[in-house]
């Protein structure tokens, strides 16, 4: 972010999900659901949820939060 490397914590992902930033009415992270971010709801042995959480679109959502 802004030429600086940053480390995200799981609390940042939860915050991104809760705030769900919009850009001109379009959700920046539309594929994130409670099953992706809330620890007690995350299905076990589902790699697709992990890859979706760590996708480029979620990274863009983080950049737009600041």
Protein backbone atom coordinates (compact mmCIF):
# COMPACT_ATOMS: atom_id res chain seq x y z
CA UNK A 1 0.00 0.00 0.00
CA UNK A 2 1.48 3.26 -1.19
CA UNK A 3 4.77 1.51 -1.92
CA UNK A 4 4.93 -0.03 1.55
CA UNK A 5 4.49 -3.70 2.42
CA UNK A 6 1.78 -4.35 5.01
CA UNK A 7 0.60 -7.39 6.94
CA UNK A 8 -3.11 -8.09 7.35
CA UNK A 9 -4.57 -9.68 10.46
CA UNK A 10 -7.73 -11.75 10.48
CA UNK A 11 -9.44 -8.89 12.32
CA UNK A 12 -8.75 -6.71 9.25
CA UNK A 13 -10.56 -9.22 7.03
CA UNK A 14 -13.53 -9.27 9.41
CA UNK A 15 -13.55 -5.45 9.44
CA UNK A 16 -13.50 -5.40 5.62
CA UNK A 17 -16.44 -7.82 5.55
CA UNK A 18 -18.42 -5.78 8.10
CA UNK A 19 -17.77 -2.43 6.44
CA UNK A 20 -18.05 -3.85 2.90
CA UNK A 21 -16.90 -0.71 1.09
CA UNK A 22 -18.78 0.36 -2.00
CA UNK A 23 -17.52 2.28 -4.97
CA UNK A 24 -20.32 4.12 -6.73
CA UNK A 25 -22.88 1.54 -5.59
CA UNK A 26 -20.76 -1.50 -6.53
CA UNK A 27 -19.51 -3.77 -3.75
CA UNK A 28 -15.76 -4.22 -3.92
CA UNK A 29 -15.77 -7.65 -2.27
CA UNK A 30 -19.13 -9.17 -3.30
CA UNK A 31 -17.97 -12.78 -2.90
CA UNK A 32 -17.03 -12.48 0.78
CA UNK A 33 -19.72 -14.02 2.97
CA UNK A 34 -19.96 -14.94 6.63
CA UNK A 35 -18.74 -18.42 5.62
CA UNK A 36 -15.48 -16.83 4.50
CA UNK A 37 -14.66 -14.67 7.50
CA UNK A 38 -16.44 -15.73 10.69
CA UNK A 39 -14.33 -18.46 12.31
CA UNK A 40 -17.24 -20.45 13.73
CA UNK A 41 -18.93 -20.64 10.29
CA UNK A 42 -15.92 -21.47 8.09
CA UNK A 43 -16.43 -24.98 6.66
CA UNK A 44 -13.55 -27.34 7.32
CA UNK A 45 -11.50 -28.76 4.45
CA UNK A 46 -12.76 -26.19 1.92
CA UNK A 47 -9.79 -24.72 0.07
CA UNK A 48 -11.97 -22.56 -2.17
CA UNK A 49 -12.97 -20.36 0.77
CA UNK A 50 -9.32 -19.76 1.61
CA UNK A 51 -8.40 -18.86 -1.96
CA UNK A 52 -11.33 -16.45 -2.19
CA UNK A 53 -10.35 -14.69 1.05
CA UNK A 54 -6.78 -14.22 -0.20
CA UNK A 55 -7.78 -13.15 -3.71
CA UNK A 56 -6.72 -10.04 -5.56
CA UNK A 57 -10.21 -8.52 -5.27
CA UNK A 58 -10.02 -8.66 -1.46
CA UNK A 59 -6.61 -6.98 -1.66
CA UNK A 60 -8.18 -4.20 -3.72
CA UNK A 61 -10.91 -3.88 -1.10
CA UNK A 62 -8.23 -3.37 1.57
CA UNK A 63 -6.60 -0.67 -0.52
CA UNK A 64 -9.93 1.16 -0.88
CA UNK A 65 -10.60 1.08 2.89
CA UNK A 66 -7.76 3.51 3.58
